[in-house]
Amino acid sequence: MTQIDYFFATLSPFTYLAGTRLEEIAAKHGATINYKPLDIVALFGRTGGVPPKDRHISRIEYRAQELLRQSKTLGFDLNLQPAHWPTNMAPSSYAVIAAAKDGSGDMGKLCHAILRACWAEEKDIAQDEVIRDCLSQAGFNPDLADSGLLVGAETYAANLEEAVDRGVFGAPFYITPDDQRFWGQDRLDDLDRHLATLNG
């Protein structure tokens, strides 16, 4: 079975705009998804990127325009300056890691719920009650928010190292078994077409 390695950050607005399209594409091609949340700020530092707040004004302005254009096209509510951004990504990432190991709920729904909480619902995704609510929405036991924290921390750190080793430099980022790399939610159609060639 084809596997897609999915590197993402629970605070990334472009990951939010991906919605659950990756899950739909994977289902279409009978593929599985390996969810690999990581520290996007650390990734930028390791791969030559710059955090949004430190970018040149031309890049900051373009990013804002592009986020609004894409959110309108996709029909997603989006606040360019959410009340709780940036915040600590680790707790929500640990919850995603625990949920993936547990396997009892809907991972796509969980990831999108966390991202939507930040970018559309003015919630702090570092807070336990927010994470627990997102887990519940996706059919997981909310107590996963408090379980496997050591494993979560180790996996979160390992995901960053793997990302750097495999050429990941942004989020969302998708890698197929033949090492084809796709960066950005606007490359999901390309990923879809490529998976069709793998299965053909």
N, C-alpha and C. Protein backbone atom coordinates (compact mmCIF):
# COMPACT_ATOMS: atom_id res chain seq x y z
N MET A 1 0.84 -1.19 0.00
CA MET A 1 0.00 0.00 0.00
C MET A 1 0.88 1.25 0.00
N THR A 2 0.51 2.22 -0.80
CA THR A 2 1.25 3.47 -0.88
C THR A 2 1.11 4.26 0.43
N GLN A 3 2.22 4.81 0.88
CA GLN A 3 2.21 5.64 2.08
C GLN A 3 2.64 7.06 1.73
N ILE A 4 1.98 8.02 2.34
CA ILE A 4 2.33 9.42 2.18
C ILE A 4 2.87 9.92 3.52
N ASP A 5 4.09 10.40 3.52
CA ASP A 5 4.64 11.00 4.72
C ASP A 5 4.26 12.47 4.72
N TYR A 6 3.53 12.86 5.75
CA TYR A 6 2.91 14.18 5.81
C TYR A 6 3.54 14.98 6.94
N PHE A 7 4.38 15.94 6.57
CA PHE A 7 5.03 16.81 7.53
C PHE A 7 4.25 18.12 7.61
N PHE A 8 3.89 18.52 8.82
CA PHE A 8 3.05 19.71 8.96
C PHE A 8 3.25 20.33 10.33
N ALA A 9 2.73 21.53 10.48
CA ALA A 9 2.79 22.23 11.76
C ALA A 9 1.36 22.59 12.17
N THR A 10 1.05 22.39 13.43
CA THR A 10 -0.31 22.64 13.91
C THR A 10 -0.62 24.13 14.02
N LEU A 11 0.34 24.98 13.68
CA LEU A 11 0.10 26.43 13.67
C LEU A 11 0.17 27.02 12.27
N SER A 12 0.38 26.20 11.26
CA SER A 12 0.59 26.70 9.90
C SER A 12 -0.73 27.07 9.22
N PRO A 13 -0.89 28.32 8.77
CA PRO A 13 -2.14 28.69 8.10
C PRO A 13 -2.33 27.97 6.78
N PHE A 14 -1.24 27.69 6.08
CA PHE A 14 -1.38 26.98 4.81
C PHE A 14 -1.75 25.51 5.03
N THR A 15 -1.32 24.94 6.16
CA THR A 15 -1.78 23.60 6.52
C THR A 15 -3.27 23.64 6.83
N TYR A 16 -3.72 24.68 7.51
CA TYR A 16 -5.15 24.85 7.77
C TYR A 16 -5.94 24.86 6.45
N LEU A 17 -5.42 25.59 5.47
CA LEU A 17 -6.14 25.70 4.20
C LEU A 17 -6.15 24.39 3.41
N ALA A 18 -5.30 23.45 3.78
CA ALA A 18 -5.33 22.14 3.13
C ALA A 18 -6.60 21.38 3.51
N GLY A 19 -7.21 21.77 4.63
CA GLY A 19 -8.44 21.09 5.05
C GLY A 19 -8.21 19.61 5.21
N THR A 20 -9.14 18.83 4.68
CA THR A 20 -8.99 17.36 4.71
C THR A 20 -8.82 16.80 3.29
N ARG A 21 -8.30 17.62 2.39
CA ARG A 21 -8.12 17.16 1.01
C ARG A 21 -7.09 16.05 0.91
N LEU A 22 -6.06 16.09 1.75
CA LEU A 22 -5.08 15.00 1.71
C LEU A 22 -5.75 13.67 2.02
N GLU A 23 -6.59 13.66 3.02
CA GLU A 23 -7.28 12.42 3.40
C GLU A 23 -8.18 11.93 2.27
N GLU A 24 -8.82 12.85 1.57
CA GLU A 24 -9.67 12.47 0.44
C GLU A 24 -8.84 11.87 -0.69
N ILE A 25 -7.69 12.48 -0.96
CA ILE A 25 -6.80 11.98 -2.01
C ILE A 25 -6.25 10.60 -1.63
N ALA A 26 -5.84 10.45 -0.38
CA ALA A 26 -5.31 9.16 0.07
C ALA A 26 -6.37 8.07 -0.06
N ALA A 27 -7.60 8.37 0.34
CA ALA A 27 -8.68 7.39 0.23
C ALA A 27 -8.92 7.00 -1.22
N LYS A 28 -8.86 7.97 -2.09
CA LYS A 28 -9.08 7.73 -3.53
C LYS A 28 -8.06 6.74 -4.09
N HIS A 29 -6.83 6.81 -3.60
CA HIS A 29 -5.75 5.98 -4.14
C HIS A 29 -5.40 4.80 -3.24
N GLY A 30 -6.18 4.60 -2.18
CA GLY A 30 -5.90 3.50 -1.27
C GLY A 30 -4.58 3.66 -0.53
N ALA A 31 -4.21 4.90 -0.28
CA ALA A 31 -2.94 5.20 0.39
C ALA A 31 -3.16 5.43 1.88
N THR A 32 -2.10 5.24 2.65
CA THR A 32 -2.13 5.58 4.07
C THR A 32 -1.29 6.82 4.30
N ILE A 33 -1.56 7.49 5.40
CA ILE A 33 -0.88 8.75 5.72
C ILE A 33 -0.11 8.58 7.03
N ASN A 34 1.15 8.95 7.00
CA ASN A 34 1.95 9.00 8.22
C ASN A 34 2.00 10.47 8.67
N TYR A 35 1.32 10.76 9.76
CA TYR A 35 1.22 12.14 10.25
C TYR A 35 2.46 12.49 11.06
N LYS A 36 3.17 13.54 10.65
CA LYS A 36 4.44 13.90 11.27
C LYS A 36 4.47 15.39 11.64
N PRO A 37 3.79 15.76 12.73
CA PRO A 37 3.84 17.16 13.15
C PRO A 37 5.25 17.53 13.60
N LEU A 38 5.62 18.78 13.33
CA LEU A 38 6.96 19.23 13.68
C LEU A 38 6.96 20.70 14.06
N ASP A 39 8.11 21.13 14.58
CA ASP A 39 8.31 22.53 14.97
C ASP A 39 8.73 23.31 13.73
N ILE A 40 7.81 24.06 13.16
CA ILE A 40 8.08 24.74 11.89
C ILE A 40 9.11 25.84 12.04
N VAL A 41 9.14 26.52 13.19
CA VAL A 41 10.12 27.58 13.38
C VAL A 41 11.54 26.99 13.42
N ALA A 42 11.69 25.87 14.12
CA ALA A 42 12.99 25.19 14.14
C ALA A 42 13.36 24.70 12.75
N LEU A 43 12.37 24.23 11.99
CA LEU A 43 12.64 23.77 10.62
C LEU A 43 13.15 24.92 9.76
N PHE A 44 12.52 26.09 9.86
CA PHE A 44 13.00 27.24 9.11
C PHE A 44 14.47 27.52 9.42
N GLY A 45 14.78 27.50 10.72
CA GLY A 45 16.15 27.78 11.14
C GLY A 45 17.16 26.79 10.61
N ARG A 46 16.72 25.55 10.42
CA ARG A 46 17.62 24.49 9.97
C ARG A 46 17.76 24.43 8.44
N THR A 47 16.82 25.04 7.72
CA THR A 47 16.78 24.86 6.26
C THR A 47 16.82 26.17 5.49
N GLY A 48 17.26 27.25 6.15
CA GLY A 48 17.43 28.51 5.43
C GLY A 48 16.20 29.38 5.35
N GLY A 49 15.14 29.01 6.06
CA GLY A 49 13.93 29.82 6.04
C GLY A 49 13.96 30.88 7.14
N VAL A 50 12.95 31.74 7.10
CA VAL A 50 12.82 32.83 8.06
C VAL A 50 11.40 32.82 8.62
N PRO A 51 11.23 32.90 9.94
CA PRO A 51 9.87 32.97 10.51
C PRO A 51 9.11 34.15 9.92
N PRO A 52 7.78 34.04 9.78
CA PRO A 52 6.99 35.10 9.14
C PRO A 52 7.26 36.50 9.68
N LYS A 53 7.38 36.64 11.00
CA LYS A 53 7.53 37.97 11.59
C LYS A 53 8.86 38.62 11.22
N ASP A 54 9.84 37.82 10.82
CA ASP A 54 11.17 38.35 10.51
C ASP A 54 11.42 38.53 9.02
N ARG A 55 10.41 38.28 8.20
CA ARG A 55 10.59 38.37 6.76
C ARG A 55 10.52 39.82 6.28
N HIS A 56 11.04 40.04 5.10
CA HIS A 56 10.96 41.36 4.48
C HIS A 56 9.50 41.74 4.30
N ILE A 57 9.21 43.02 4.37
CA ILE A 57 7.82 43.48 4.29
C ILE A 57 7.13 43.03 3.01
N SER A 58 7.87 42.94 1.92
CA SER A 58 7.25 42.49 0.67
C SER A 58 6.72 41.07 0.79
N ARG A 59 7.45 40.21 1.50
CA ARG A 59 7.02 38.84 1.70
C ARG A 59 5.86 38.76 2.70
N ILE A 60 5.90 39.58 3.72
CA ILE A 60 4.81 39.62 4.70
C ILE A 60 3.51 40.04 4.03
N GLU A 61 3.58 41.08 3.20
CA GLU A 61 2.37 41.57 2.53
C GLU A 61 1.84 40.55 1.54
N TYR A 62 2.74 39.91 0.79
CA TYR A 62 2.28 38.91 -0.18
C TYR A 62 1.65 37.72 0.52
N ARG A 63 2.26 37.28 1.61
CA ARG A 63 1.70 36.16 2.38
C ARG A 63 0.28 36.47 2.82
N ALA A 64 0.05 37.69 3.30
CA ALA A 64 -1.29 38.09 3.75
C ALA A 64 -2.29 38.05 2.60
N GLN A 65 -1.88 38.59 1.46
CA GLN A 65 -2.78 38.59 0.30
C GLN A 65 -3.10 37.17 -0.15
N GLU A 66 -2.07 36.33 -0.19
CA GLU A 66 -2.26 34.96 -0.66
C GLU A 66 -3.14 34.16 0.29
N LEU A 67 -2.97 34.35 1.59
CA LEU A 67 -3.81 33.64 2.56
C LEU A 67 -5.28 34.04 2.39
N LEU A 68 -5.53 35.30 2.20
CA LEU A 68 -6.91 35.75 2.02
C LEU A 68 -7.50 35.24 0.71
N ARG A 69 -6.70 35.28 -0.36
CA ARG A 69 -7.18 34.77 -1.65
C ARG A 69 -7.53 33.29 -1.55
N GLN A 70 -6.60 32.52 -0.98
CA GLN A 70 -6.81 31.08 -0.89
C GLN A 70 -7.97 30.73 0.02
N SER A 71 -8.09 31.42 1.15
CA SER A 71 -9.19 31.11 2.07
C SER A 71 -10.53 31.42 1.41
N LYS A 72 -10.59 32.50 0.64
CA LYS A 72 -11.84 32.84 -0.07
C LYS A 72 -12.17 31.79 -1.12
N THR A 73 -11.17 31.38 -1.88
CA THR A 73 -11.37 30.36 -2.91
C THR A 73 -11.86 29.05 -2.32
N LEU A 74 -11.30 28.69 -1.17
CA LEU A 74 -11.62 27.41 -0.54
C LEU A 74 -12.84 27.48 0.38
N GLY A 75 -13.32 28.69 0.65
CA GLY A 75 -14.50 28.85 1.50
C GLY A 75 -14.21 28.65 2.97
N PHE A 76 -12.98 28.97 3.39
CA PHE A 76 -12.59 28.83 4.79
C PHE A 76 -12.56 30.19 5.48
N ASP A 77 -13.13 30.26 6.67
CA ASP A 77 -12.95 31.45 7.49
C ASP A 77 -11.49 31.50 7.93
N LEU A 78 -10.91 32.71 7.93
CA LEU A 78 -9.52 32.86 8.34
C LEU A 78 -9.29 34.26 8.89
N ASN A 79 -8.70 34.31 10.07
CA ASN A 79 -8.31 35.57 10.68
C ASN A 79 -6.81 35.73 10.47
N LEU A 80 -6.38 36.76 9.75
CA LEU A 80 -4.96 36.95 9.47
C LEU A 80 -4.13 37.19 10.73
N GLN A 81 -4.78 37.71 11.77
CA GLN A 81 -4.07 37.98 13.02
C GLN A 81 -4.83 37.33 14.18
N PRO A 82 -4.77 36.01 14.26
CA PRO A 82 -5.51 35.31 15.32
C PRO A 82 -5.00 35.70 16.70
N ALA A 83 -5.90 35.65 17.65
CA ALA A 83 -5.59 36.10 19.01
C ALA A 83 -4.48 35.29 19.66
N HIS A 84 -4.35 34.03 19.28
CA HIS A 84 -3.38 33.15 19.94
C HIS A 84 -2.39 32.57 18.94
N TRP A 85 -1.74 33.47 18.23
CA TRP A 85 -0.70 33.09 17.27
C TRP A 85 0.43 34.09 17.34
N PRO A 86 1.66 33.67 17.49
CA PRO A 86 2.04 32.26 17.68
C PRO A 86 1.80 31.79 19.11
N THR A 87 1.76 30.49 19.26
CA THR A 87 1.64 29.86 20.58
C THR A 87 2.47 28.59 20.55
N ASN A 88 2.50 27.88 21.65
CA ASN A 88 3.30 26.66 21.75
C ASN A 88 2.65 25.53 20.96
N MET A 89 3.35 25.05 19.93
CA MET A 89 2.82 23.98 19.08
C MET A 89 2.94 22.61 19.70
N ALA A 90 3.82 22.46 20.69
CA ALA A 90 4.14 21.12 21.19
C ALA A 90 2.93 20.36 21.75
N PRO A 91 2.11 20.95 22.63
CA PRO A 91 1.01 20.16 23.20
C PRO A 91 0.06 19.59 22.16
N SER A 92 -0.33 20.40 21.17
CA SER A 92 -1.23 19.90 20.14
C SER A 92 -0.54 18.86 19.27
N SER A 93 0.75 19.04 19.03
CA SER A 93 1.50 18.06 18.24
C SER A 93 1.60 16.73 18.98
N TYR A 94 1.84 16.78 20.29
CA TYR A 94 1.89 15.55 21.08
C TYR A 94 0.55 14.82 21.02
N ALA A 95 -0.55 15.59 21.04
CA ALA A 95 -1.87 14.98 20.96
C ALA A 95 -2.09 14.29 19.62
N VAL A 96 -1.62 14.92 18.55
CA VAL A 96 -1.72 14.30 17.23
C VAL A 96 -0.93 13.00 17.19
N ILE A 97 0.26 13.02 17.77
CA ILE A 97 1.11 11.82 17.79
C ILE A 97 0.43 10.70 18.59
N ALA A 98 -0.15 11.05 19.73
CA ALA A 98 -0.85 10.06 20.55
C ALA A 98 -2.07 9.52 19.83
N ALA A 99 -2.79 10.39 19.14
CA ALA A 99 -3.99 9.97 18.41
C ALA A 99 -3.64 9.03 17.26
N ALA A 100 -2.56 9.34 16.56
CA ALA A 100 -2.14 8.48 15.45
C ALA A 100 -1.78 7.09 15.95
N LYS A 101 -1.15 7.03 17.10
CA LYS A 101 -0.81 5.73 17.69
C LYS A 101 -2.06 5.00 18.15
N ASP A 102 -3.01 5.75 18.68
CA ASP A 102 -4.26 5.16 19.19
C ASP A 102 -5.13 4.62 18.05
N GLY A 103 -5.30 5.43 17.01
CA GLY A 103 -5.98 4.99 15.80
C GLY A 103 -7.48 4.83 15.87
N SER A 104 -8.13 5.35 16.91
CA SER A 104 -9.56 5.08 17.06
C SER A 104 -10.46 6.15 16.45
N GLY A 105 -9.89 7.26 16.03
CA GLY A 105 -10.71 8.35 15.50
C GLY A 105 -10.29 8.76 14.10
N ASP A 106 -10.68 9.96 13.72
CA ASP A 106 -10.45 10.49 12.38
C ASP A 106 -9.28 11.49 12.44
N MET A 107 -8.12 11.09 11.93
CA MET A 107 -6.92 11.93 12.02
C MET A 107 -7.05 13.22 11.22
N GLY A 108 -7.62 13.14 10.04
CA GLY A 108 -7.79 14.35 9.24
C GLY A 108 -8.68 15.36 9.94
N LYS A 109 -9.74 14.86 10.53
CA LYS A 109 -10.66 15.74 11.25
C LYS A 109 -9.98 16.36 12.46
N LEU A 110 -9.15 15.58 13.14
CA LEU A 110 -8.44 16.09 14.32
C LEU A 110 -7.48 17.22 13.93
N CYS A 111 -6.65 16.96 12.93
CA CYS A 111 -5.68 17.98 12.52
C CYS A 111 -6.37 19.26 12.07
N HIS A 112 -7.45 19.10 11.31
CA HIS A 112 -8.16 20.29 10.83
C HIS A 112 -8.84 21.02 11.98
N ALA A 113 -9.36 20.29 12.94
CA ALA A 113 -10.00 20.93 14.09
C ALA A 113 -9.00 21.77 14.88
N ILE A 114 -7.79 21.26 15.05
CA ILE A 114 -6.76 22.02 15.76
C ILE A 114 -6.41 23.29 15.00
N LEU A 115 -6.19 23.15 13.71
CA LEU A 115 -5.82 24.31 12.89
C LEU A 115 -6.96 25.32 12.80
N ARG A 116 -8.18 24.82 12.67
CA ARG A 116 -9.35 25.71 12.62
C ARG A 116 -9.52 26.46 13.93
N ALA A 117 -9.22 25.80 15.05
CA ALA A 117 -9.33 26.45 16.36
C ALA A 117 -8.46 27.69 16.41
N CYS A 118 -7.26 27.59 15.84
CA CYS A 118 -6.35 28.74 15.85
C CYS A 118 -6.77 29.80 14.85
N TRP A 119 -6.97 29.39 13.60
CA TRP A 119 -7.11 30.35 12.50
C TRP A 119 -8.53 30.85 12.26
N ALA A 120 -9.53 30.21 12.84
CA ALA A 120 -10.91 30.65 12.60
C ALA A 120 -11.72 30.83 13.87
N GLU A 121 -11.27 30.24 14.98
CA GLU A 121 -12.11 30.23 16.19
C GLU A 121 -11.50 30.98 17.37
N GLU A 122 -10.35 31.62 17.17
CA GLU A 122 -9.70 32.44 18.20
C GLU A 122 -9.43 31.66 19.49
N LYS A 123 -8.98 30.42 19.34
CA LYS A 123 -8.66 29.58 20.49
C LYS A 123 -7.16 29.35 20.57
N ASP A 124 -6.67 29.13 21.78
CA ASP A 124 -5.26 28.87 22.01
C ASP A 124 -5.02 27.37 21.99
N ILE A 125 -4.38 26.87 20.94
CA ILE A 125 -4.22 25.42 20.79
C ILE A 125 -3.14 24.86 21.70
N ALA A 126 -2.54 25.71 22.53
CA ALA A 126 -1.62 25.21 23.56
C ALA A 126 -2.37 24.82 24.83
N GLN A 127 -3.66 25.18 24.91
CA GLN A 127 -4.44 24.93 26.12
C GLN A 127 -5.08 23.54 26.10
N ASP A 128 -5.01 22.88 27.23
CA ASP A 128 -5.48 21.51 27.35
C ASP A 128 -6.95 21.36 26.96
N GLU A 129 -7.80 22.31 27.39
CA GLU A 129 -9.23 22.16 27.10
C GLU A 129 -9.53 22.27 25.60
N VAL A 130 -8.74 23.09 24.90
CA VAL A 130 -8.92 23.22 23.45
C VAL A 130 -8.51 21.92 22.76
N ILE A 131 -7.39 21.38 23.15
CA ILE A 131 -6.91 20.13 22.55
C ILE A 131 -7.88 18.98 22.83
N ARG A 132 -8.37 18.91 24.05
CA ARG A 132 -9.31 17.85 24.42
C ARG A 132 -10.59 17.95 23.58
N ASP A 133 -11.05 19.17 23.35
CA ASP A 133 -12.26 19.36 22.55
C ASP A 133 -12.02 18.91 21.11
N CYS A 134 -10.84 19.24 20.55
CA CYS A 134 -10.53 18.81 19.19
C CYS A 134 -10.47 17.29 19.09
N LEU A 135 -9.88 16.64 20.09
CA LEU A 135 -9.83 15.18 20.11
C LEU A 135 -11.25 14.60 20.13
N SER A 136 -12.10 15.16 20.95
CA SER A 136 -13.49 14.67 21.03
C SER A 136 -14.22 14.84 19.71
N GLN A 137 -14.03 16.00 19.07
CA GLN A 137 -14.69 16.25 17.78
C GLN A 137 -14.32 15.20 16.74
N ALA A 138 -13.09 14.69 16.84
CA ALA A 138 -12.59 13.75 15.84
C ALA A 138 -12.78 12.29 16.26
N GLY A 139 -13.51 12.06 17.35
CA GLY A 139 -13.81 10.69 17.76
C GLY A 139 -12.75 10.01 18.60
N PHE A 140 -11.84 10.80 19.17
CA PHE A 140 -10.81 10.25 20.05
C PHE A 140 -11.17 10.51 21.51
N ASN A 141 -10.61 9.69 22.40
CA ASN A 141 -10.74 9.92 23.83
C ASN A 141 -9.96 11.18 24.18
N PRO A 142 -10.61 12.19 24.76
CA PRO A 142 -9.90 13.43 25.08
C PRO A 142 -8.73 13.24 26.04
N ASP A 143 -8.73 12.13 26.79
CA ASP A 143 -7.63 11.87 27.71
C ASP A 143 -6.30 11.63 26.99
N LEU A 144 -6.36 11.43 25.67
CA LEU A 144 -5.12 11.30 24.91
C LEU A 144 -4.26 12.56 25.02
N ALA A 145 -4.90 13.68 25.36
CA ALA A 145 -4.17 14.93 25.53
C ALA A 145 -3.16 14.84 26.66
N ASP A 146 -3.40 13.93 27.59
CA ASP A 146 -2.54 13.81 28.77
C ASP A 146 -1.70 12.54 28.77
N SER A 147 -1.71 11.81 27.66
CA SER A 147 -1.01 10.51 27.65
C SER A 147 0.18 10.55 26.70
N GLY A 148 1.15 9.71 26.99
CA GLY A 148 2.29 9.54 26.09
C GLY A 148 3.09 10.79 25.83
N LEU A 149 3.22 11.65 26.84
CA LEU A 149 3.89 12.92 26.62
C LEU A 149 5.38 12.74 26.31
N LEU A 150 6.02 11.80 26.98
CA LEU A 150 7.44 11.56 26.71
C LEU A 150 7.64 11.03 25.29
N VAL A 151 6.81 10.07 24.91
CA VAL A 151 6.89 9.53 23.55
C VAL A 151 6.56 10.63 22.54
N GLY A 152 5.58 11.46 22.88
CA GLY A 152 5.22 12.56 22.01
C GLY A 152 6.38 13.51 21.80
N ALA A 153 7.06 13.85 22.87
CA ALA A 153 8.19 14.77 22.78
C ALA A 153 9.31 14.17 21.94
N GLU A 154 9.57 12.88 22.15
CA GLU A 154 10.64 12.22 21.40
C GLU A 154 10.29 12.14 19.91
N THR A 155 9.04 11.81 19.62
CA THR A 155 8.60 11.70 18.22
C THR A 155 8.59 13.05 17.54
N TYR A 156 8.14 14.07 18.25
CA TYR A 156 8.12 15.44 17.72
C TYR A 156 9.53 15.87 17.33
N ALA A 157 10.50 15.62 18.17
CA ALA A 157 11.89 15.96 17.87
C ALA A 157 12.41 15.12 16.70
N ALA A 158 12.06 13.84 16.69
CA ALA A 158 12.51 12.95 15.62
C ALA A 158 11.92 13.37 14.28
N ASN A 159 10.68 13.83 14.28
CA ASN A 159 10.05 14.30 13.05
C ASN A 159 10.82 15.45 12.43
N LEU A 160 11.31 16.36 13.27
CA LEU A 160 12.09 17.49 12.77
C LEU A 160 13.38 17.00 12.12
N GLU A 161 14.07 16.10 12.79
CA GLU A 161 15.32 15.58 12.23
C GLU A 161 15.07 14.85 10.91
N GLU A 162 14.01 14.05 10.88
CA GLU A 162 13.68 13.34 9.63
C GLU A 162 13.35 14.32 8.52
N ALA A 163 12.60 15.36 8.86
CA ALA A 163 12.23 16.36 7.86
C ALA A 163 13.47 17.01 7.25
N VAL A 164 14.40 17.42 8.10
CA VAL A 164 15.63 18.05 7.60
C VAL A 164 16.40 17.08 6.71
N ASP A 165 16.49 15.83 7.13
CA ASP A 165 17.23 14.83 6.37
C ASP A 165 16.60 14.54 5.01
N ARG A 166 15.28 14.70 4.93
CA ARG A 166 14.58 14.31 3.70
C ARG A 166 14.20 15.48 2.79
N GLY A 167 14.71 16.66 3.11
CA GLY A 167 14.50 17.78 2.21
C GLY A 167 13.26 18.61 2.44
N VAL A 168 12.66 18.45 3.60
CA VAL A 168 11.47 19.24 3.94
C VAL A 168 11.92 20.61 4.42
N PHE A 169 11.23 21.67 3.97
CA PHE A 169 11.61 23.02 4.39
C PHE A 169 10.43 23.92 4.72
N GLY A 170 9.22 23.39 4.61
CA GLY A 170 8.02 24.17 4.90
C GLY A 170 6.86 23.25 5.22
N ALA A 171 5.68 23.85 5.39
CA ALA A 171 4.49 23.06 5.72
C ALA A 171 3.25 23.67 5.06
N PRO A 172 2.36 22.80 4.60
CA PRO A 172 2.41 21.34 4.63
C PRO A 172 3.36 20.80 3.56
N PHE A 173 3.88 19.62 3.81
CA PHE A 173 4.86 19.00 2.92
C PHE A 173 4.54 17.52 2.84
N TYR A 174 4.49 17.00 1.61
CA TYR A 174 4.08 15.62 1.37
C TYR A 174 5.19 14.89 0.61
N ILE A 175 5.54 13.68 1.05
CA ILE A 175 6.55 12.88 0.36
C ILE A 175 5.98 11.50 0.05
N THR A 176 6.14 11.08 -1.20
CA THR A 176 5.65 9.78 -1.64
C THR A 176 6.77 8.74 -1.55
N PRO A 177 6.45 7.45 -1.68
CA PRO A 177 7.46 6.40 -1.53
C PRO A 177 8.62 6.51 -2.52
N ASP A 178 8.40 7.13 -3.69
CA ASP A 178 9.47 7.29 -4.66
C ASP A 178 10.18 8.64 -4.49
N ASP A 179 10.03 9.23 -3.31
CA ASP A 179 10.72 10.46 -2.92
C ASP A 179 10.33 11.67 -3.76
N GLN A 180 9.12 11.66 -4.27
CA GLN A 180 8.61 12.89 -4.88
C GLN A 180 8.08 13.78 -3.76
N ARG A 181 8.45 15.05 -3.80
CA ARG A 181 8.14 15.97 -2.71
C ARG A 181 7.19 17.05 -3.21
N PHE A 182 6.21 17.35 -2.40
CA PHE A 182 5.19 18.34 -2.74
C PHE A 182 5.05 19.30 -1.57
N TRP A 183 5.29 20.58 -1.83
CA TRP A 183 5.24 21.59 -0.78
C TRP A 183 4.03 22.50 -0.98
N GLY A 184 3.18 22.55 0.02
CA GLY A 184 2.07 23.49 0.00
C GLY A 184 0.74 22.86 -0.35
N GLN A 185 -0.31 23.41 0.25
CA GLN A 185 -1.65 22.90 -0.01
C GLN A 185 -2.06 23.10 -1.47
N ASP A 186 -1.42 24.04 -2.15
CA ASP A 186 -1.73 24.28 -3.56
C ASP A 186 -1.05 23.26 -4.48
N ARG A 187 -0.35 22.28 -3.91
CA ARG A 187 0.24 21.21 -4.71
C ARG A 187 -0.47 19.88 -4.51
N LEU A 188 -1.61 19.91 -3.84
CA LEU A 188 -2.33 18.67 -3.60
C LEU A 188 -2.85 18.04 -4.90
N ASP A 189 -3.22 18.85 -5.87
CA ASP A 189 -3.66 18.30 -7.15
C ASP A 189 -2.51 17.57 -7.84
N ASP A 190 -1.30 18.13 -7.71
CA ASP A 190 -0.13 17.47 -8.29
C ASP A 190 0.14 16.14 -7.58
N LEU A 191 -0.01 16.13 -6.27
CA LEU A 191 0.15 14.88 -5.51
C LEU A 191 -0.88 13.86 -5.97
N ASP A 192 -2.11 14.28 -6.16
CA ASP A 192 -3.18 13.40 -6.62
C ASP A 192 -2.81 12.76 -7.95
N ARG A 193 -2.34 13.58 -8.88
CA ARG A 193 -1.98 13.05 -10.20
C ARG A 193 -0.79 12.09 -10.10
N HIS A 194 0.16 12.40 -9.25
CA HIS A 194 1.33 11.53 -9.11
C HIS A 194 0.95 10.19 -8.51
N LEU A 195 0.10 10.20 -7.53
CA LEU A 195 -0.32 8.93 -6.93
C LEU A 195 -1.03 8.05 -7.95
N ALA A 196 -1.74 8.68 -8.88
CA ALA A 196 -2.41 7.91 -9.93
C ALA A 196 -1.39 7.17 -10.79
N THR A 197 -0.23 7.78 -11.02
CA THR A 197 0.80 7.11 -11.83
C THR A 197 1.44 5.97 -11.05
N LEU A 198 1.56 6.11 -9.74
CA LEU A 198 2.13 5.04 -8.92
C LEU A 198 1.23 3.82 -8.91
N ASN A 199 -0.07 4.08 -8.90
CA ASN A 199 -1.04 2.97 -8.82
C ASN A 199 -1.43 2.45 -10.19
N GLY A 200 -0.99 3.14 -11.23
CA GLY A 200 -1.38 2.75 -12.58
C GLY A 200 -0.47 1.67 -13.13
